[in-house]
Amino acid sequence: MKRIVTGFVAAVAMLCATIVSAAPLKLQPANPQPSGLRQGLAVRYAYPEEVKSLADARVAIKQGGQAGRPLKGLDYADTAEGQPALTSKRAEFVAAQINGYVRFDKPGIYNIDFLTNDGVRARIGGQVVSQFDGRQPCEPSFGSEVEVPQAGWYKVDILYFQRYNTSCLHMRMGEKGKRLNWMPNSAFGY
C-alpha cells in the first residue's frame, strides 16, 4: 500500500511540474498579412432546438449556419434575460462560428482568457487558447499563456454556444505578469 501511495504522489508531483513548466503556446501570424480589413469579426449563426456542447454547436453550424451581422469585436457584456446573444436573432439555443483576425501591436508573452456564457473554443494563430464546454454564468474560461513572435494580424476562429438565460463573450489579454485588460474592438478585423 505504501508503494502505491508513494507512486501516486510521485506521479502527481511530475504532472504539477509539467504544468508549471509548460512553455507558452506559440502563435503563428497570418501569412500573408491581410490588408483592407473591416473592423469587427464575421459570424455565422445556427439556431438548433437544443445545444449542450461545442460538438452540438459545430454540428448545428455545419447543418444550417447562416451569416449574421458582424460582431463589433469581442466585448459583449452579460445580457438581460430575453436579449439576443451577440448579434443573433435569439436569446437562447444559439450556436456561433466567429472568424477574422486579431492584431497584436508588439511581440511578447501574453496571458489570454475569455469570459463566456456558455461554451467557447477559441483558436488564435492556430492554437486553442481558451476552451470551456459547458454551461456557466458570465465567468472566465480556461485561458493560456501565449507567445506572440511578431506584431501583426493573427487568425481568430471561435466556436461559441449560448444555452439558457443570459449571454456574454469577452476577450481579455495582458502581458505576462500584468493585469488582464479587455481587448479593444479596434484590435479585430475581418
N, C-alpha and C. Protein backbone atom coordinates (compact mmCIF):
# COMPACT_ATOMS: atom_id res chain seq x y z
N MET A 1 0.82 -1.19 0.00
CA MET A 1 0.00 0.00 0.00
C MET A 1 0.87 1.26 0.00
N LYS A 2 1.94 1.21 0.79
CA LYS A 2 2.84 2.36 0.87
C LYS A 2 3.45 2.64 -0.50
N ARG A 3 3.76 1.59 -1.24
CA ARG A 3 4.33 1.73 -2.58
C ARG A 3 3.35 2.41 -3.53
N ILE A 4 2.08 2.06 -3.43
CA ILE A 4 1.05 2.66 -4.29
C ILE A 4 0.91 4.14 -3.98
N VAL A 5 0.85 4.48 -2.70
CA VAL A 5 0.72 5.88 -2.30
C VAL A 5 1.93 6.68 -2.75
N THR A 6 3.13 6.13 -2.57
CA THR A 6 4.36 6.81 -2.98
C THR A 6 4.38 7.01 -4.50
N GLY A 7 3.96 6.01 -5.24
CA GLY A 7 3.90 6.12 -6.69
C GLY A 7 2.90 7.18 -7.14
N PHE A 8 1.75 7.21 -6.46
CA PHE A 8 0.72 8.20 -6.78
C PHE A 8 1.22 9.62 -6.51
N VAL A 9 1.86 9.82 -5.37
CA VAL A 9 2.40 11.13 -5.00
C VAL A 9 3.45 11.56 -6.02
N ALA A 10 4.31 10.65 -6.43
CA ALA A 10 5.35 10.97 -7.42
C ALA A 10 4.71 11.35 -8.77
N ALA A 11 3.67 10.62 -9.17
CA ALA A 11 3.00 10.92 -10.45
C ALA A 11 2.34 12.30 -10.40
N VAL A 12 1.69 12.63 -9.30
CA VAL A 12 1.05 13.94 -9.16
C VAL A 12 2.10 15.04 -9.18
N ALA A 13 3.23 14.83 -8.50
CA ALA A 13 4.31 15.82 -8.48
C ALA A 13 4.86 16.05 -9.88
N MET A 14 5.04 14.98 -10.67
CA MET A 14 5.54 15.12 -12.04
C MET A 14 4.53 15.88 -12.90
N LEU A 15 3.25 15.56 -12.74
CA LEU A 15 2.21 16.26 -13.50
C LEU A 15 2.22 17.75 -13.17
N CYS A 16 2.28 18.09 -11.89
CA CYS A 16 2.31 19.50 -11.49
C CYS A 16 3.54 20.21 -12.04
N ALA A 17 4.68 19.56 -12.01
CA ALA A 17 5.91 20.17 -12.54
C ALA A 17 5.79 20.40 -14.04
N THR A 18 5.17 19.46 -14.74
CA THR A 18 4.98 19.61 -16.18
C THR A 18 4.07 20.80 -16.48
N ILE A 19 2.98 20.92 -15.74
CA ILE A 19 2.04 22.02 -15.96
C ILE A 19 2.71 23.35 -15.68
N VAL A 20 3.44 23.45 -14.58
CA VAL A 20 4.08 24.71 -14.19
C VAL A 20 5.15 25.11 -15.19
N SER A 21 5.89 24.14 -15.72
CA SER A 21 6.99 24.47 -16.61
C SER A 21 6.61 24.49 -18.09
N ALA A 22 5.32 24.31 -18.40
CA ALA A 22 4.89 24.28 -19.80
C ALA A 22 5.22 25.60 -20.48
N ALA A 23 5.73 25.48 -21.67
CA ALA A 23 6.09 26.66 -22.46
C ALA A 23 4.82 27.33 -22.97
N PRO A 24 4.87 28.63 -23.22
CA PRO A 24 3.71 29.32 -23.79
C PRO A 24 3.38 28.75 -25.17
N LEU A 25 2.12 28.81 -25.53
CA LEU A 25 1.70 28.41 -26.88
C LEU A 25 2.21 29.44 -27.87
N LYS A 26 2.92 29.00 -28.89
CA LYS A 26 3.47 29.93 -29.88
C LYS A 26 2.44 30.15 -30.98
N LEU A 27 1.98 31.39 -31.10
CA LEU A 27 1.00 31.75 -32.13
C LEU A 27 1.70 31.99 -33.46
N GLN A 28 1.01 31.65 -34.53
CA GLN A 28 1.53 31.87 -35.88
C GLN A 28 0.83 33.07 -36.51
N PRO A 29 1.60 34.07 -36.94
CA PRO A 29 0.97 35.22 -37.59
C PRO A 29 0.33 34.81 -38.92
N ALA A 30 -0.69 35.52 -39.33
CA ALA A 30 -1.32 35.26 -40.62
C ALA A 30 -0.28 35.46 -41.72
N ASN A 31 -0.29 34.55 -42.68
CA ASN A 31 0.68 34.62 -43.78
C ASN A 31 -0.06 34.30 -45.07
N PRO A 32 -0.25 35.30 -45.92
CA PRO A 32 0.26 36.67 -45.84
C PRO A 32 -0.56 37.50 -44.86
N GLN A 33 -0.01 38.61 -44.42
CA GLN A 33 -0.72 39.54 -43.57
C GLN A 33 -1.85 40.18 -44.38
N PRO A 34 -3.07 40.18 -43.84
CA PRO A 34 -4.19 40.76 -44.58
C PRO A 34 -4.12 42.28 -44.62
N SER A 35 -4.76 42.85 -45.61
CA SER A 35 -4.87 44.31 -45.69
C SER A 35 -6.31 44.66 -46.04
N GLY A 36 -6.70 45.89 -45.78
CA GLY A 36 -8.04 46.35 -46.11
C GLY A 36 -9.14 45.70 -45.29
N LEU A 37 -8.83 45.30 -44.08
CA LEU A 37 -9.84 44.66 -43.24
C LEU A 37 -10.85 45.67 -42.72
N ARG A 38 -12.08 45.20 -42.51
CA ARG A 38 -13.10 45.99 -41.83
C ARG A 38 -13.02 45.66 -40.34
N GLN A 39 -13.33 46.62 -39.49
CA GLN A 39 -13.29 46.38 -38.06
C GLN A 39 -14.38 45.39 -37.66
N GLY A 40 -14.05 44.47 -36.77
CA GLY A 40 -15.01 43.51 -36.25
C GLY A 40 -14.65 42.10 -36.62
N LEU A 41 -15.61 41.20 -36.52
CA LEU A 41 -15.43 39.78 -36.82
C LEU A 41 -16.65 39.26 -37.56
N ALA A 42 -16.42 38.37 -38.51
CA ALA A 42 -17.52 37.73 -39.24
C ALA A 42 -18.12 36.65 -38.34
N VAL A 43 -19.42 36.41 -38.49
CA VAL A 43 -20.09 35.39 -37.67
C VAL A 43 -21.15 34.67 -38.49
N ARG A 44 -21.25 33.37 -38.23
CA ARG A 44 -22.33 32.53 -38.78
C ARG A 44 -23.09 31.96 -37.60
N TYR A 45 -24.42 32.02 -37.68
CA TYR A 45 -25.26 31.53 -36.59
C TYR A 45 -26.07 30.32 -37.03
N ALA A 46 -26.39 29.48 -36.04
CA ALA A 46 -27.37 28.42 -36.20
C ALA A 46 -28.25 28.46 -34.96
N TYR A 47 -29.48 28.01 -35.12
CA TYR A 47 -30.46 28.07 -34.04
C TYR A 47 -31.06 26.68 -33.82
N PRO A 48 -30.30 25.78 -33.23
CA PRO A 48 -30.80 24.42 -33.01
C PRO A 48 -31.86 24.38 -31.91
N GLU A 49 -32.64 23.28 -31.89
CA GLU A 49 -33.64 23.10 -30.84
C GLU A 49 -32.97 22.92 -29.48
N GLU A 50 -31.77 22.40 -29.48
CA GLU A 50 -31.01 22.16 -28.25
C GLU A 50 -29.53 22.29 -28.56
N VAL A 51 -28.77 22.85 -27.64
CA VAL A 51 -27.32 22.90 -27.78
C VAL A 51 -26.73 22.79 -26.39
N LYS A 52 -26.02 21.68 -26.14
CA LYS A 52 -25.46 21.42 -24.81
C LYS A 52 -23.94 21.40 -24.79
N SER A 53 -23.32 21.42 -25.99
CA SER A 53 -21.88 21.26 -26.04
C SER A 53 -21.31 21.91 -27.30
N LEU A 54 -19.99 22.00 -27.33
CA LEU A 54 -19.31 22.50 -28.52
C LEU A 54 -19.56 21.59 -29.72
N ALA A 55 -19.65 20.28 -29.47
CA ALA A 55 -19.94 19.34 -30.56
C ALA A 55 -21.32 19.63 -31.15
N ASP A 56 -22.31 19.88 -30.29
CA ASP A 56 -23.65 20.24 -30.78
C ASP A 56 -23.60 21.52 -31.60
N ALA A 57 -22.84 22.51 -31.12
CA ALA A 57 -22.73 23.79 -31.84
C ALA A 57 -22.09 23.59 -33.20
N ARG A 58 -21.02 22.79 -33.27
CA ARG A 58 -20.33 22.54 -34.53
C ARG A 58 -21.28 21.88 -35.54
N VAL A 59 -22.05 20.88 -35.10
CA VAL A 59 -23.00 20.20 -35.98
C VAL A 59 -24.07 21.17 -36.47
N ALA A 60 -24.61 21.99 -35.56
CA ALA A 60 -25.65 22.94 -35.94
C ALA A 60 -25.16 23.93 -36.99
N ILE A 61 -23.95 24.44 -36.82
CA ILE A 61 -23.37 25.38 -37.80
C ILE A 61 -23.19 24.68 -39.14
N LYS A 62 -22.67 23.46 -39.10
CA LYS A 62 -22.42 22.71 -40.34
C LYS A 62 -23.72 22.42 -41.08
N GLN A 63 -24.79 22.13 -40.36
CA GLN A 63 -26.06 21.76 -40.98
C GLN A 63 -26.90 22.95 -41.41
N GLY A 64 -26.72 24.11 -40.79
CA GLY A 64 -27.61 25.20 -41.16
C GLY A 64 -27.14 26.58 -40.75
N GLY A 65 -25.83 26.79 -40.76
CA GLY A 65 -25.31 28.10 -40.39
C GLY A 65 -25.66 29.16 -41.42
N GLN A 66 -25.95 30.35 -40.93
CA GLN A 66 -26.26 31.46 -41.83
C GLN A 66 -25.52 32.71 -41.35
N ALA A 67 -25.07 33.50 -42.30
CA ALA A 67 -24.31 34.71 -41.96
C ALA A 67 -25.14 35.62 -41.08
N GLY A 68 -24.49 36.17 -40.07
CA GLY A 68 -25.14 37.12 -39.17
C GLY A 68 -24.49 38.48 -39.30
N ARG A 69 -25.07 39.46 -38.64
CA ARG A 69 -24.49 40.80 -38.61
C ARG A 69 -23.12 40.70 -37.94
N PRO A 70 -22.06 41.26 -38.54
CA PRO A 70 -20.72 41.13 -37.98
C PRO A 70 -20.66 41.61 -36.53
N LEU A 71 -19.77 41.00 -35.76
CA LEU A 71 -19.54 41.43 -34.38
C LEU A 71 -18.66 42.67 -34.42
N LYS A 72 -18.84 43.57 -33.47
CA LYS A 72 -18.01 44.78 -33.39
C LYS A 72 -16.62 44.47 -32.86
N GLY A 73 -16.47 43.32 -32.20
CA GLY A 73 -15.23 42.86 -31.58
C GLY A 73 -15.59 41.73 -30.65
N LEU A 74 -14.91 41.64 -29.52
CA LEU A 74 -15.24 40.61 -28.54
C LEU A 74 -15.45 41.25 -27.17
N ASP A 75 -16.39 42.16 -27.12
CA ASP A 75 -16.74 42.83 -25.87
C ASP A 75 -18.26 42.89 -25.77
N TYR A 76 -18.87 41.73 -25.51
CA TYR A 76 -20.32 41.62 -25.39
C TYR A 76 -20.68 41.32 -23.95
N ALA A 77 -21.16 42.36 -23.26
CA ALA A 77 -21.49 42.27 -21.84
C ALA A 77 -22.65 41.32 -21.60
N ASP A 78 -22.73 40.86 -20.36
CA ASP A 78 -23.81 39.97 -19.94
C ASP A 78 -25.16 40.63 -20.24
N THR A 79 -26.00 39.93 -20.97
CA THR A 79 -27.29 40.47 -21.37
C THR A 79 -28.32 40.28 -20.25
N ALA A 80 -29.43 40.94 -20.39
CA ALA A 80 -30.59 40.67 -19.55
C ALA A 80 -31.33 39.49 -20.18
N GLU A 81 -32.07 38.75 -19.37
CA GLU A 81 -32.81 37.62 -19.91
C GLU A 81 -33.72 38.08 -21.04
N GLY A 82 -33.70 37.32 -22.14
CA GLY A 82 -34.53 37.63 -23.29
C GLY A 82 -33.85 38.46 -24.36
N GLN A 83 -32.70 39.09 -24.05
CA GLN A 83 -31.97 39.86 -25.06
C GLN A 83 -31.18 38.90 -25.95
N PRO A 84 -31.05 39.21 -27.24
CA PRO A 84 -30.33 38.32 -28.15
C PRO A 84 -28.87 38.11 -27.76
N ALA A 85 -28.38 36.92 -28.03
CA ALA A 85 -26.97 36.60 -27.82
C ALA A 85 -26.15 37.22 -28.96
N LEU A 86 -25.12 37.98 -28.61
CA LEU A 86 -24.25 38.65 -29.58
C LEU A 86 -25.10 39.45 -30.57
N THR A 87 -24.94 39.18 -31.88
CA THR A 87 -25.76 39.87 -32.89
C THR A 87 -26.79 38.93 -33.51
N SER A 88 -27.10 37.85 -32.78
CA SER A 88 -28.03 36.84 -33.30
C SER A 88 -29.47 37.29 -33.22
N LYS A 89 -30.37 36.42 -33.67
CA LYS A 89 -31.81 36.70 -33.66
C LYS A 89 -32.48 36.17 -32.39
N ARG A 90 -31.75 35.37 -31.59
CA ARG A 90 -32.37 34.73 -30.43
C ARG A 90 -31.54 34.91 -29.17
N ALA A 91 -32.19 34.69 -28.03
CA ALA A 91 -31.52 34.78 -26.74
C ALA A 91 -31.02 33.41 -26.27
N GLU A 92 -31.67 32.34 -26.70
CA GLU A 92 -31.32 31.00 -26.22
C GLU A 92 -31.15 30.04 -27.40
N PHE A 93 -30.38 28.98 -27.14
CA PHE A 93 -30.10 27.95 -28.15
C PHE A 93 -29.53 28.57 -29.41
N VAL A 94 -28.36 29.19 -29.23
CA VAL A 94 -27.65 29.86 -30.32
C VAL A 94 -26.26 29.24 -30.44
N ALA A 95 -25.87 28.89 -31.65
CA ALA A 95 -24.51 28.45 -31.95
C ALA A 95 -23.89 29.48 -32.88
N ALA A 96 -22.62 29.79 -32.67
CA ALA A 96 -21.96 30.81 -33.49
C ALA A 96 -20.55 30.36 -33.88
N GLN A 97 -20.21 30.58 -35.14
CA GLN A 97 -18.85 30.38 -35.64
C GLN A 97 -18.33 31.77 -35.98
N ILE A 98 -17.29 32.19 -35.27
CA ILE A 98 -16.75 33.55 -35.38
C ILE A 98 -15.37 33.49 -36.01
N ASN A 99 -15.14 34.29 -37.05
CA ASN A 99 -13.85 34.27 -37.75
C ASN A 99 -13.37 35.67 -38.07
N GLY A 100 -12.06 35.79 -38.20
CA GLY A 100 -11.43 37.05 -38.57
C GLY A 100 -10.01 37.06 -38.09
N TYR A 101 -9.56 38.22 -37.64
CA TYR A 101 -8.17 38.41 -37.20
C TYR A 101 -8.14 39.29 -35.96
N VAL A 102 -7.09 39.09 -35.17
CA VAL A 102 -6.81 39.99 -34.06
C VAL A 102 -5.39 40.53 -34.26
N ARG A 103 -5.21 41.80 -33.95
CA ARG A 103 -3.91 42.45 -34.13
C ARG A 103 -3.20 42.59 -32.78
N PHE A 104 -1.96 42.12 -32.75
CA PHE A 104 -1.08 42.34 -31.61
C PHE A 104 -0.09 43.42 -32.02
N ASP A 105 0.03 44.45 -31.20
CA ASP A 105 0.88 45.60 -31.54
C ASP A 105 2.36 45.36 -31.31
N LYS A 106 2.70 44.37 -30.47
CA LYS A 106 4.12 44.09 -30.25
C LYS A 106 4.30 42.63 -29.85
N PRO A 107 5.47 42.08 -30.14
CA PRO A 107 5.73 40.70 -29.75
C PRO A 107 5.87 40.60 -28.23
N GLY A 108 5.75 39.37 -27.72
CA GLY A 108 5.94 39.15 -26.29
C GLY A 108 5.18 37.94 -25.81
N ILE A 109 5.21 37.75 -24.50
CA ILE A 109 4.47 36.68 -23.84
C ILE A 109 3.24 37.33 -23.19
N TYR A 110 2.07 36.76 -23.49
CA TYR A 110 0.81 37.31 -23.01
C TYR A 110 -0.04 36.21 -22.37
N ASN A 111 -0.92 36.61 -21.49
CA ASN A 111 -1.97 35.74 -20.98
C ASN A 111 -3.27 36.18 -21.62
N ILE A 112 -4.05 35.19 -22.07
CA ILE A 112 -5.32 35.45 -22.74
C ILE A 112 -6.39 34.60 -22.07
N ASP A 113 -7.55 35.18 -21.83
CA ASP A 113 -8.70 34.38 -21.44
C ASP A 113 -9.97 34.99 -22.01
N PHE A 114 -11.05 34.28 -21.86
CA PHE A 114 -12.36 34.71 -22.34
C PHE A 114 -13.35 34.62 -21.20
N LEU A 115 -14.24 35.58 -21.11
CA LEU A 115 -15.41 35.46 -20.23
C LEU A 115 -16.53 35.02 -21.15
N THR A 116 -17.22 33.98 -20.75
CA THR A 116 -18.22 33.42 -21.63
C THR A 116 -19.42 32.89 -20.86
N ASN A 117 -20.54 32.94 -21.51
CA ASN A 117 -21.78 32.34 -21.05
C ASN A 117 -22.45 31.86 -22.33
N ASP A 118 -22.29 30.68 -22.76
CA ASP A 118 -21.94 29.45 -22.09
C ASP A 118 -20.60 28.92 -22.63
N GLY A 119 -20.59 28.09 -23.67
CA GLY A 119 -19.38 27.41 -24.11
C GLY A 119 -18.59 28.17 -25.16
N VAL A 120 -17.26 27.93 -25.17
CA VAL A 120 -16.39 28.58 -26.16
C VAL A 120 -15.15 27.71 -26.41
N ARG A 121 -14.73 27.67 -27.66
CA ARG A 121 -13.42 27.14 -28.03
C ARG A 121 -12.80 28.20 -28.94
N ALA A 122 -11.75 28.85 -28.44
CA ALA A 122 -11.14 29.96 -29.17
C ALA A 122 -9.74 29.57 -29.65
N ARG A 123 -9.54 29.69 -30.96
CA ARG A 123 -8.22 29.49 -31.56
C ARG A 123 -7.73 30.84 -32.04
N ILE A 124 -6.47 31.11 -31.74
CA ILE A 124 -5.80 32.31 -32.26
C ILE A 124 -4.45 31.86 -32.79
N GLY A 125 -4.14 32.28 -33.99
CA GLY A 125 -2.85 31.92 -34.57
C GLY A 125 -2.59 30.43 -34.59
N GLY A 126 -3.65 29.63 -34.80
CA GLY A 126 -3.52 28.19 -34.93
C GLY A 126 -3.51 27.42 -33.61
N GLN A 127 -3.61 28.10 -32.47
CA GLN A 127 -3.57 27.43 -31.16
C GLN A 127 -4.90 27.62 -30.42
N VAL A 128 -5.35 26.58 -29.74
CA VAL A 128 -6.52 26.71 -28.86
C VAL A 128 -6.05 27.44 -27.62
N VAL A 129 -6.53 28.66 -27.43
CA VAL A 129 -6.07 29.49 -26.31
C VAL A 129 -7.07 29.52 -25.17
N SER A 130 -8.31 29.08 -25.42
CA SER A 130 -9.32 29.04 -24.36
C SER A 130 -10.41 28.07 -24.76
N GLN A 131 -10.86 27.30 -23.76
CA GLN A 131 -11.95 26.36 -24.05
C GLN A 131 -12.75 26.10 -22.78
N PHE A 132 -14.06 26.14 -22.94
CA PHE A 132 -14.99 25.73 -21.90
C PHE A 132 -16.17 25.08 -22.60
N ASP A 133 -16.47 23.83 -22.26
CA ASP A 133 -17.52 23.08 -22.93
C ASP A 133 -18.62 22.75 -21.93
N GLY A 134 -19.38 23.77 -21.59
CA GLY A 134 -20.45 23.56 -20.63
C GLY A 134 -21.29 24.79 -20.48
N ARG A 135 -22.01 24.82 -19.37
CA ARG A 135 -22.91 25.93 -19.08
C ARG A 135 -22.41 26.67 -17.86
N GLN A 136 -22.34 27.99 -17.94
CA GLN A 136 -21.89 28.80 -16.82
C GLN A 136 -22.42 30.21 -16.97
N PRO A 137 -22.49 30.96 -15.87
CA PRO A 137 -22.81 32.39 -16.00
C PRO A 137 -21.60 33.08 -16.62
N CYS A 138 -21.66 34.36 -16.81
CA CYS A 138 -20.57 35.11 -17.46
C CYS A 138 -19.32 35.08 -16.57
N GLU A 139 -18.48 34.08 -16.78
CA GLU A 139 -17.27 33.87 -15.98
C GLU A 139 -16.10 33.52 -16.89
N PRO A 140 -14.88 33.66 -16.36
CA PRO A 140 -13.70 33.32 -17.16
C PRO A 140 -13.67 31.84 -17.52
N SER A 141 -13.25 31.57 -18.74
CA SER A 141 -12.97 30.20 -19.17
C SER A 141 -11.49 29.96 -18.92
N PHE A 142 -11.04 28.76 -19.18
CA PHE A 142 -9.63 28.46 -19.01
C PHE A 142 -8.84 29.24 -20.06
N GLY A 143 -7.82 29.95 -19.64
CA GLY A 143 -7.01 30.75 -20.54
C GLY A 143 -5.65 30.11 -20.78
N SER A 144 -4.81 30.84 -21.50
CA SER A 144 -3.49 30.34 -21.87
C SER A 144 -2.45 31.43 -21.84
N GLU A 145 -1.22 30.99 -21.66
CA GLU A 145 -0.07 31.87 -21.85
C GLU A 145 0.40 31.64 -23.28
N VAL A 146 0.56 32.72 -24.03
CA VAL A 146 0.91 32.61 -25.44
C VAL A 146 2.15 33.44 -25.76
N GLU A 147 2.85 33.01 -26.79
CA GLU A 147 3.99 33.77 -27.31
C GLU A 147 3.58 34.37 -28.64
N VAL A 148 3.66 35.67 -28.73
CA VAL A 148 3.39 36.39 -29.97
C VAL A 148 4.77 36.73 -30.56
N PRO A 149 5.19 36.03 -31.63
CA PRO A 149 6.54 36.22 -32.14
C PRO A 149 6.79 37.54 -32.85
N GLN A 150 5.74 38.16 -33.38
CA GLN A 150 5.91 39.44 -34.07
C GLN A 150 4.60 40.21 -34.05
N ALA A 151 4.70 41.51 -34.17
CA ALA A 151 3.50 42.34 -34.25
C ALA A 151 2.77 42.01 -35.55
N GLY A 152 1.46 42.14 -35.54
CA GLY A 152 0.69 41.91 -36.76
C GLY A 152 -0.63 41.22 -36.49
N TRP A 153 -1.24 40.74 -37.58
CA TRP A 153 -2.54 40.08 -37.54
C TRP A 153 -2.39 38.58 -37.36
N TYR A 154 -3.31 38.02 -36.53
CA TYR A 154 -3.35 36.58 -36.26
C TYR A 154 -4.78 36.09 -36.46
N LYS A 155 -4.94 34.94 -37.13
CA LYS A 155 -6.28 34.40 -37.39
C LYS A 155 -7.01 34.08 -36.10
N VAL A 156 -8.31 34.36 -36.10
CA VAL A 156 -9.20 34.06 -34.99
C VAL A 156 -10.27 33.10 -35.51
N ASP A 157 -10.50 32.03 -34.76
CA ASP A 157 -11.51 31.02 -35.09
C ASP A 157 -12.16 30.62 -33.76
N ILE A 158 -13.41 31.04 -33.56
CA ILE A 158 -14.09 30.81 -32.29
C ILE A 158 -15.41 30.09 -32.53
N LEU A 159 -15.61 29.01 -31.80
CA LEU A 159 -16.90 28.32 -31.78
C LEU A 159 -17.52 28.64 -30.43
N TYR A 160 -18.77 29.10 -30.44
CA TYR A 160 -19.45 29.57 -29.24
C TYR A 160 -20.86 29.03 -29.22
N PHE A 161 -21.37 28.77 -28.01
CA PHE A 161 -22.79 28.48 -27.91
C PHE A 161 -23.39 29.11 -26.66
N GLN A 162 -24.65 29.47 -26.78
CA GLN A 162 -25.45 30.03 -25.70
C GLN A 162 -26.63 29.11 -25.51
N ARG A 163 -26.86 28.71 -24.27
CA ARG A 163 -27.93 27.77 -23.98
C ARG A 163 -29.16 28.45 -23.39
N TYR A 164 -29.11 28.81 -22.12
CA TYR A 164 -30.27 29.39 -21.43
C TYR A 164 -29.95 30.76 -20.85
N ASN A 165 -31.01 31.54 -20.67
CA ASN A 165 -30.99 32.80 -19.91
C ASN A 165 -30.10 33.86 -20.55
N THR A 166 -29.08 34.33 -19.85
CA THR A 166 -28.26 35.45 -20.33
C THR A 166 -27.05 34.95 -21.11
N SER A 167 -26.38 35.88 -21.83
CA SER A 167 -25.20 35.52 -22.62
C SER A 167 -24.15 36.61 -22.51
N CYS A 168 -22.89 36.23 -22.73
CA CYS A 168 -21.79 37.20 -22.82
C CYS A 168 -20.63 36.56 -23.56
N LEU A 169 -19.73 37.39 -24.06
CA LEU A 169 -18.48 36.93 -24.66
C LEU A 169 -17.51 38.10 -24.66
N HIS A 170 -16.42 37.94 -23.93
CA HIS A 170 -15.36 38.95 -23.83
C HIS A 170 -14.00 38.27 -24.00
N MET A 171 -13.06 38.97 -24.58
CA MET A 171 -11.67 38.52 -24.62
C MET A 171 -10.83 39.49 -23.80
N ARG A 172 -9.95 38.92 -22.96
CA ARG A 172 -9.03 39.74 -22.17
C ARG A 172 -7.60 39.28 -22.47
N MET A 173 -6.67 40.23 -22.34
CA MET A 173 -5.27 39.92 -22.59
C MET A 173 -4.40 40.83 -21.74
N GLY A 174 -3.25 40.32 -21.33
CA GLY A 174 -2.29 41.12 -20.60
C GLY A 174 -0.90 40.55 -20.78
N GLU A 175 0.11 41.41 -20.72
CA GLU A 175 1.48 40.93 -20.78
C GLU A 175 1.73 40.03 -19.58
N LYS A 176 2.63 39.07 -19.75
CA LYS A 176 2.94 38.12 -18.68
C LYS A 176 3.24 38.88 -17.38
N GLY A 177 2.59 38.46 -16.31
CA GLY A 177 2.80 39.07 -15.01
C GLY A 177 2.01 40.34 -14.76
N LYS A 178 1.26 40.79 -15.77
CA LYS A 178 0.47 42.01 -15.61
C LYS A 178 -1.02 41.69 -15.66
N ARG A 179 -1.81 42.66 -15.30
CA ARG A 179 -3.26 42.52 -15.25
C ARG A 179 -3.84 42.29 -16.65
N LEU A 180 -4.89 41.46 -16.71
CA LEU A 180 -5.61 41.25 -17.97
C LEU A 180 -6.54 42.44 -18.20
N ASN A 181 -6.60 42.90 -19.45
CA ASN A 181 -7.48 44.00 -19.85
C ASN A 181 -8.34 43.56 -21.02
N TRP A 182 -9.50 44.21 -21.16
CA TRP A 182 -10.38 43.91 -22.28
C TRP A 182 -9.67 44.24 -23.58
N MET A 183 -9.85 43.39 -24.57
CA MET A 183 -9.32 43.68 -25.90
C MET A 183 -10.22 44.73 -26.55
N PRO A 184 -9.64 45.81 -27.04
CA PRO A 184 -10.48 46.84 -27.68
C PRO A 184 -11.05 46.31 -28.99
N ASN A 185 -12.25 46.77 -29.33
CA ASN A 185 -12.86 46.34 -30.59
C ASN A 185 -12.00 46.67 -31.79
N SER A 186 -11.21 47.74 -31.70
CA SER A 186 -10.35 48.13 -32.82
C SER A 186 -9.24 47.12 -33.13
N ALA A 187 -9.02 46.14 -32.24
CA ALA A 187 -7.98 45.13 -32.46
C ALA A 187 -8.44 44.00 -33.37
N PHE A 188 -9.72 44.01 -33.79
CA PHE A 188 -10.26 42.90 -34.59
C PHE A 188 -10.61 43.36 -36.00
N GLY A 189 -10.41 42.46 -36.96
CA GLY A 189 -10.75 42.74 -38.34
C GLY A 189 -11.20 41.50 -39.07
N TYR A 190 -11.93 41.70 -40.16
CA TYR A 190 -12.36 40.57 -41.00
C TYR A 190 -12.43 41.00 -42.45
